[in-house]
Structures are given as structure tokens and as C-alpha cells.
Amino acid sequence: MLYIEKNYSVSANPQDKVLAGLSSGATVTVQAMFYSNETFGYYGVFSPSRTLDFVEETLTLE
């Protein structure tokens, strides 16, 4: 992202950024929602792998 922001005319504002993932990338996206939530304003999770558990009690930072 640093390269992109340095070499292209893009916004550095997190509310103008999105991270999205498909399949296994959806797992990475869900993790980023918890650990990098100040970096992106929006997230897209598409067709997550079956190993990703979306039960509310398990979606924690711990």
C-alpha cells in the first residue's frame, strides 16, 4: 500500500479504502477486520472457505 500511495494519486483516508477476499482470501479479510480495522473503511467477504466459522461467539480478538 505504501508503494501505491507514493506512486499513484489515491486517497490515504481509510474510509476510501476497501479490502475484499474470495474463498481463502475471505479468511484473511475477516482477520484484517479485527486486526487492521483502522486501515480500511470497508470489507468484502465472498464465498469464505468452510473452515471459517461465522458463529458470533467465535468471532473475537482473543
PDB file of N, CA and C in Angstrom:
ATOM      1  N   MET A   1       0.807  -1.176   0.000  1.00  0.00           N
ATOM      2  CA  MET A   1       0.000   0.000   0.000  1.00  0.00           C
ATOM      3  C   MET A   1       0.861   1.254   0.000  1.00  0.00           C
ATOM      4  N   LEU A   2       2.004   1.201   0.660  1.00  0.00           N
ATOM      5  CA  LEU A   2       2.870   2.368   0.676  1.00  0.00           C
ATOM      6  C   LEU A   2       3.344   2.713  -0.734  1.00  0.00           C
ATOM      7  N   TYR A   3       3.683   1.702  -1.511  1.00  0.00           N
ATOM      8  CA  TYR A   3       4.114   1.934  -2.893  1.00  0.00           C
ATOM      9  C   TYR A   3       2.996   2.577  -3.705  1.00  0.00           C
ATOM     10  N   ILE A   4       1.805   2.055  -3.568  1.00  0.00           N
ATOM     11  CA  ILE A   4       0.662   2.580  -4.316  1.00  0.00           C
ATOM     12  C   ILE A   4       0.413   4.033  -3.935  1.00  0.00           C
ATOM     13  N   GLU A   5       0.375   4.330  -2.633  1.00  0.00           N
ATOM     14  CA  GLU A   5       0.116   5.692  -2.183  1.00  0.00           C
ATOM     15  C   GLU A   5       1.216   6.659  -2.591  1.00  0.00           C
ATOM     16  N   LYS A   6       2.438   6.176  -2.695  1.00  0.00           N
ATOM     17  CA  LYS A   6       3.554   7.033  -3.078  1.00  0.00           C
ATOM     18  C   LYS A   6       3.576   7.304  -4.581  1.00  0.00           C
ATOM     19  N   ASN A   7       3.180   6.314  -5.388  1.00  0.00           N
ATOM     20  CA  ASN A   7       3.356   6.424  -6.838  1.00  0.00           C
ATOM     21  C   ASN A   7       2.083   6.702  -7.623  1.00  0.00           C
ATOM     22  N   TYR A   8       0.938   6.667  -6.973  1.00  0.00           N
ATOM     23  CA  TYR A   8      -0.328   6.893  -7.660  1.00  0.00           C
ATOM     24  C   TYR A   8      -1.160   7.907  -6.887  1.00  0.00           C
ATOM     25  N   SER A   9      -2.050   8.534  -7.579  1.00  0.00           N
ATOM     26  CA  SER A   9      -2.937   9.509  -6.959  1.00  0.00           C
ATOM     27  C   SER A   9      -4.128   8.790  -6.336  1.00  0.00           C
ATOM     28  N   VAL A  10      -3.960   8.380  -5.092  1.00  0.00           N
ATOM     29  CA  VAL A  10      -5.013   7.675  -4.358  1.00  0.00           C
ATOM     30  C   VAL A  10      -5.185   8.321  -2.987  1.00  0.00           C
ATOM     31  N   SER A  11      -6.319   8.116  -2.396  1.00  0.00           N
ATOM     32  CA  SER A  11      -6.608   8.653  -1.079  1.00  0.00           C
ATOM     33  C   SER A  11      -5.916   7.831   0.000  1.00  0.00           C
ATOM     34  N   ALA A  12      -5.413   8.501   1.015  1.00  0.00           N
ATOM     35  CA  ALA A  12      -4.824   7.821   2.163  1.00  0.00           C
ATOM     36  C   ALA A  12      -5.854   7.663   3.280  1.00  0.00           C
ATOM     37  N   ASN A  13      -7.049   8.167   3.078  1.00  0.00           N
ATOM     38  CA  ASN A  13      -8.116   8.095   4.066  1.00  0.00           C
ATOM     39  C   ASN A  13      -8.668   6.668   4.142  1.00  0.00           C
ATOM     40  N   PRO A  14      -8.686   6.066   5.329  1.00  0.00           N
ATOM     41  CA  PRO A  14      -9.208   4.701   5.460  1.00  0.00           C
ATOM     42  C   PRO A  14     -10.644   4.543   4.965  1.00  0.00           C
ATOM     43  N   GLN A  15     -11.457   5.575   5.077  1.00  0.00           N
ATOM     44  CA  GLN A  15     -12.851   5.483   4.624  1.00  0.00           C
ATOM     45  C   GLN A  15     -12.960   5.387   3.100  1.00  0.00           C
ATOM     46  N   ASP A  16     -11.864   5.589   2.407  1.00  0.00           N
ATOM     47  CA  ASP A  16     -11.844   5.468   0.950  1.00  0.00           C
ATOM     48  C   ASP A  16     -11.219   4.155   0.487  1.00  0.00           C
ATOM     49  N   LYS A  17     -10.925   3.253   1.417  1.00  0.00           N
ATOM     50  CA  LYS A  17     -10.247   2.000   1.080  1.00  0.00           C
ATOM     51  C   LYS A  17     -11.132   0.804   1.396  1.00  0.00           C
ATOM     52  N   VAL A  18     -10.966  -0.244   0.591  1.00  0.00           N
ATOM     53  CA  VAL A  18     -11.705  -1.482   0.807  1.00  0.00           C
ATOM     54  C   VAL A  18     -10.742  -2.665   0.697  1.00  0.00           C
ATOM     55  N   LEU A  19     -10.980  -3.675   1.511  1.00  0.00           N
ATOM     56  CA  LEU A  19     -10.255  -4.939   1.418  1.00  0.00           C
ATOM     57  C   LEU A  19     -11.296  -6.019   1.204  1.00  0.00           C
ATOM     58  N   ALA A  20     -11.093  -6.839   0.197  1.00  0.00           N
ATOM     59  CA  ALA A  20     -12.055  -7.903  -0.104  1.00  0.00           C
ATOM     60  C   ALA A  20     -11.296  -9.189  -0.397  1.00  0.00           C
ATOM     61  N   GLY A  21     -11.953 -10.300  -0.098  1.00  0.00           N
ATOM     62  CA  GLY A  21     -11.326 -11.589  -0.345  1.00  0.00           C
ATOM     63  C   GLY A  21     -12.339 -12.629  -0.766  1.00  0.00           C
ATOM     64  N   LEU A  22     -11.883 -13.535  -1.601  1.00  0.00           N
ATOM     65  CA  LEU A  22     -12.701 -14.630  -2.110  1.00  0.00           C
ATOM     66  C   LEU A  22     -12.098 -15.940  -1.620  1.00  0.00           C
ATOM     67  N   SER A  23     -12.925 -16.837  -1.118  1.00  0.00           N
ATOM     68  CA  SER A  23     -12.522 -18.152  -0.658  1.00  0.00           C
ATOM     69  C   SER A  23     -11.526 -18.032   0.499  1.00  0.00           C
ATOM     70  N   SER A  24     -10.311 -18.508   0.345  1.00  0.00           N
ATOM     71  CA  SER A  24      -9.325 -18.398   1.424  1.00  0.00           C
ATOM     72  C   SER A  24      -8.976 -16.947   1.715  1.00  0.00           C
ATOM     73  N   GLY A  25      -9.058 -16.100   0.714  1.00  0.00           N
ATOM     74  CA  GLY A  25      -8.832 -14.668   0.916  1.00  0.00           C
ATOM     75  C   GLY A  25      -9.878 -14.049   1.816  1.00  0.00           C
ATOM     76  N   ALA A  26     -11.052 -14.648   1.871  1.00  0.00           N
ATOM     77  CA  ALA A  26     -12.096 -14.167   2.777  1.00  0.00           C
ATOM     78  C   ALA A  26     -11.670 -14.356   4.226  1.00  0.00           C
ATOM     79  N   THR A  27     -10.941 -15.427   4.518  1.00  0.00           N
ATOM     80  CA  THR A  27     -10.427 -15.656   5.860  1.00  0.00           C
ATOM     81  C   THR A  27      -9.449 -14.550   6.243  1.00  0.00           C
ATOM     82  N   VAL A  28      -8.582 -14.184   5.336  1.00  0.00           N
ATOM     83  CA  VAL A  28      -7.632 -13.094   5.569  1.00  0.00           C
ATOM     84  C   VAL A  28      -8.384 -11.785   5.790  1.00  0.00           C
ATOM     85  N   THR A  29      -9.431 -11.565   5.019  1.00  0.00           N
ATOM     86  CA  THR A  29     -10.218 -10.349   5.143  1.00  0.00           C
ATOM     87  C   THR A  29     -10.890 -10.264   6.508  1.00  0.00           C
ATOM     88  N   VAL A  30     -11.448 -11.372   6.987  1.00  0.00           N
ATOM     89  CA  VAL A  30     -12.087 -11.376   8.310  1.00  0.00           C
ATOM     90  C   VAL A  30     -11.047 -11.085   9.392  1.00  0.00           C
ATOM     91  N   GLN A  31      -9.866 -11.654   9.283  1.00  0.00           N
ATOM     92  CA  GLN A  31      -8.807 -11.376  10.258  1.00  0.00           C
ATOM     93  C   GLN A  31      -8.421  -9.903  10.222  1.00  0.00           C
ATOM     94  N   ALA A  32      -8.339  -9.326   9.036  1.00  0.00           N
ATOM     95  CA  ALA A  32      -7.988  -7.909   8.905  1.00  0.00           C
ATOM     96  C   ALA A  32      -9.061  -7.017   9.520  1.00  0.00           C
ATOM     97  N   MET A  33     -10.317  -7.447   9.481  1.00  0.00           N
ATOM     98  CA  MET A  33     -11.389  -6.661  10.085  1.00  0.00           C
ATOM     99  C   MET A  33     -11.134  -6.484  11.578  1.00  0.00           C
ATOM    100  N   PHE A  34     -10.517  -7.479  12.203  1.00  0.00           N
ATOM    101  CA  PHE A  34     -10.246  -7.402  13.631  1.00  0.00           C
ATOM    102  C   PHE A  34      -8.918  -6.723  13.944  1.00  0.00           C
ATOM    103  N   TYR A  35      -7.890  -6.999  13.151  1.00  0.00           N
ATOM    104  CA  TYR A  35      -6.556  -6.547  13.496  1.00  0.00           C
ATOM    105  C   TYR A  35      -6.063  -5.337  12.716  1.00  0.00           C
ATOM    106  N   SER A  36      -6.721  -4.955  11.640  1.00  0.00           N
ATOM    107  CA  SER A  36      -6.319  -3.784  10.848  1.00  0.00           C
ATOM    108  C   SER A  36      -7.516  -2.907  10.550  1.00  0.00           C
ATOM    109  N   ASN A  37      -8.429  -2.812  11.483  1.00  0.00           N
ATOM    110  CA  ASN A  37      -9.660  -2.092  11.197  1.00  0.00           C
ATOM    111  C   ASN A  37      -9.471  -0.592  11.073  1.00  0.00           C
ATOM    112  N   GLU A  38      -8.302  -0.064  11.433  1.00  0.00           N
ATOM    113  CA  GLU A  38      -8.048   1.355  11.233  1.00  0.00           C
ATOM    114  C   GLU A  38      -7.472   1.645   9.842  1.00  0.00           C
ATOM    115  N   THR A  39      -7.146   0.598   9.092  1.00  0.00           N
ATOM    116  CA  THR A  39      -6.528   0.758   7.778  1.00  0.00           C
ATOM    117  C   THR A  39      -7.555   0.842   6.660  1.00  0.00           C
ATOM    118  N   PHE A  40      -8.668   0.132   6.800  1.00  0.00           N
ATOM    119  CA  PHE A  40      -9.684   0.069   5.754  1.00  0.00           C
ATOM    120  C   PHE A  40     -11.038   0.511   6.298  1.00  0.00           C
ATOM    121  N   GLY A  41     -11.816   1.135   5.441  1.00  0.00           N
ATOM    122  CA  GLY A  41     -13.146   1.567   5.845  1.00  0.00           C
ATOM    123  C   GLY A  41     -14.221   0.544   5.546  1.00  0.00           C
ATOM    124  N   TYR A  42     -13.941  -0.347   4.598  1.00  0.00           N
ATOM    125  CA  TYR A  42     -14.942  -1.322   4.170  1.00  0.00           C
ATOM    126  C   TYR A  42     -14.271  -2.667   3.924  1.00  0.00           C
ATOM    127  N   TYR A  43     -15.045  -3.731   4.102  1.00  0.00           N
ATOM    128  CA  TYR A  43     -14.542  -5.085   3.889  1.00  0.00           C
ATOM    129  C   TYR A  43     -15.557  -5.885   3.097  1.00  0.00           C
ATOM    130  N   GLY A  44     -15.063  -6.751   2.227  1.00  0.00           N
ATOM    131  CA  GLY A  44     -15.934  -7.644   1.476  1.00  0.00           C
ATOM    132  C   GLY A  44     -15.485  -9.075   1.674  1.00  0.00           C
ATOM    133  N   VAL A  45     -16.388  -9.922   2.123  1.00  0.00           N
ATOM    134  CA  VAL A  45     -16.088 -11.338   2.349  1.00  0.00           C
ATOM    135  C   VAL A  45     -16.979 -12.141   1.405  1.00  0.00           C
ATOM    136  N   PHE A  46     -16.352 -12.799   0.435  1.00  0.00           N
ATOM    137  CA  PHE A  46     -17.096 -13.503  -0.605  1.00  0.00           C
ATOM    138  C   PHE A  46     -16.730 -14.984  -0.629  1.00  0.00           C
ATOM    139  N   SER A  47     -17.722 -15.826  -0.565  1.00  0.00           N
ATOM    140  CA  SER A  47     -17.553 -17.283  -0.623  1.00  0.00           C
ATOM    141  C   SER A  47     -16.437 -17.769   0.289  1.00  0.00           C
ATOM    142  N   PRO A  48     -16.564 -17.520   1.591  1.00  0.00           N
ATOM    143  CA  PRO A  48     -15.491 -17.947   2.501  1.00  0.00           C
ATOM    144  C   PRO A  48     -15.363 -19.461   2.541  1.00  0.00           C
ATOM    145  N   SER A  49     -14.156 -19.915   2.853  1.00  0.00           N
ATOM    146  CA  SER A  49     -13.942 -21.354   2.946  1.00  0.00           C
ATOM    147  C   SER A  49     -14.763 -21.907   4.099  1.00  0.00           C
ATOM    148  N   ARG A  50     -15.052 -23.164   4.061  1.00  0.00           N
ATOM    149  CA  ARG A  50     -15.890 -23.783   5.097  1.00  0.00           C
ATOM    150  C   ARG A  50     -15.194 -23.861   6.440  1.00  0.00           C
ATOM    151  N   THR A  51     -13.896 -23.629   6.473  1.00  0.00           N
ATOM    152  CA  THR A  51     -13.179 -23.652   7.747  1.00  0.00           C
ATOM    153  C   THR A  51     -13.389 -22.367   8.528  1.00  0.00           C
ATOM    154  N   LEU A  52     -13.938 -21.347   7.898  1.00  0.00           N
ATOM    155  CA  LEU A  52     -14.198 -20.077   8.578  1.00  0.00           C
ATOM    156  C   LEU A  52     -15.530 -20.161   9.290  1.00  0.00           C
ATOM    157  N   ASP A  53     -15.491 -20.006  10.597  1.00  0.00           N
ATOM    158  CA  ASP A  53     -16.686 -20.133  11.418  1.00  0.00           C
ATOM    159  C   ASP A  53     -17.251 -18.747  11.702  1.00  0.00           C
ATOM    160  N   PHE A  54     -18.481 -18.493  11.260  1.00  0.00           N
ATOM    161  CA  PHE A  54     -19.098 -17.191  11.450  1.00  0.00           C
ATOM    162  C   PHE A  54     -20.047 -17.141  12.645  1.00  0.00           C
ATOM    163  N   VAL A  55     -19.909 -18.074  13.566  1.00  0.00           N
ATOM    164  CA  VAL A  55     -20.726 -18.039  14.781  1.00  0.00           C
ATOM    165  C   VAL A  55     -20.258 -16.853  15.599  1.00  0.00           C
ATOM    166  N   GLU A  56     -21.185 -16.003  16.009  1.00  0.00           N
ATOM    167  CA  GLU A  56     -20.847 -14.744  16.668  1.00  0.00           C
ATOM    168  C   GLU A  56     -19.926 -14.932  17.862  1.00  0.00           C
ATOM    169  N   GLU A  57     -20.118 -15.942  18.659  1.00  0.00           N
ATOM    170  CA  GLU A  57     -19.301 -16.147  19.852  1.00  0.00           C
ATOM    171  C   GLU A  57     -17.834 -16.432  19.522  1.00  0.00           C
ATOM    172  N   THR A  58     -17.563 -16.939  18.323  1.00  0.00           N
ATOM    173  CA  THR A  58     -16.191 -17.278  17.972  1.00  0.00           C
ATOM    174  C   THR A  58     -15.477 -16.158  17.240  1.00  0.00           C
ATOM    175  N   LEU A  59     -16.182 -15.142  16.821  1.00  0.00           N
ATOM    176  CA  LEU A  59     -15.554 -14.024  16.119  1.00  0.00           C
ATOM    177  C   LEU A  59     -15.086 -12.979  17.132  1.00  0.00           C
ATOM    178  N   THR A  60     -13.953 -13.267  17.761  1.00  0.00           N
ATOM    179  CA  THR A  60     -13.403 -12.371  18.762  1.00  0.00           C
ATOM    180  C   THR A  60     -11.939 -12.120  18.473  1.00  0.00           C
ATOM    181  N   LEU A  61     -11.359 -11.174  19.176  1.00  0.00           N
ATOM    182  CA  LEU A  61      -9.941 -10.870  19.024  1.00  0.00           C
ATOM    183  C   LEU A  61      -9.060 -11.829  19.810  1.00  0.00           C
ATOM    184  N   GLU A  62      -9.628 -12.620  20.653  1.00  0.00           N
ATOM    185  CA  GLU A  62      -8.826 -13.491  21.506  1.00  0.00           C
ATOM    186  C   GLU A  62      -8.589 -14.832  20.871  1.00  0.00           C
TER     187      GLU A  62
END
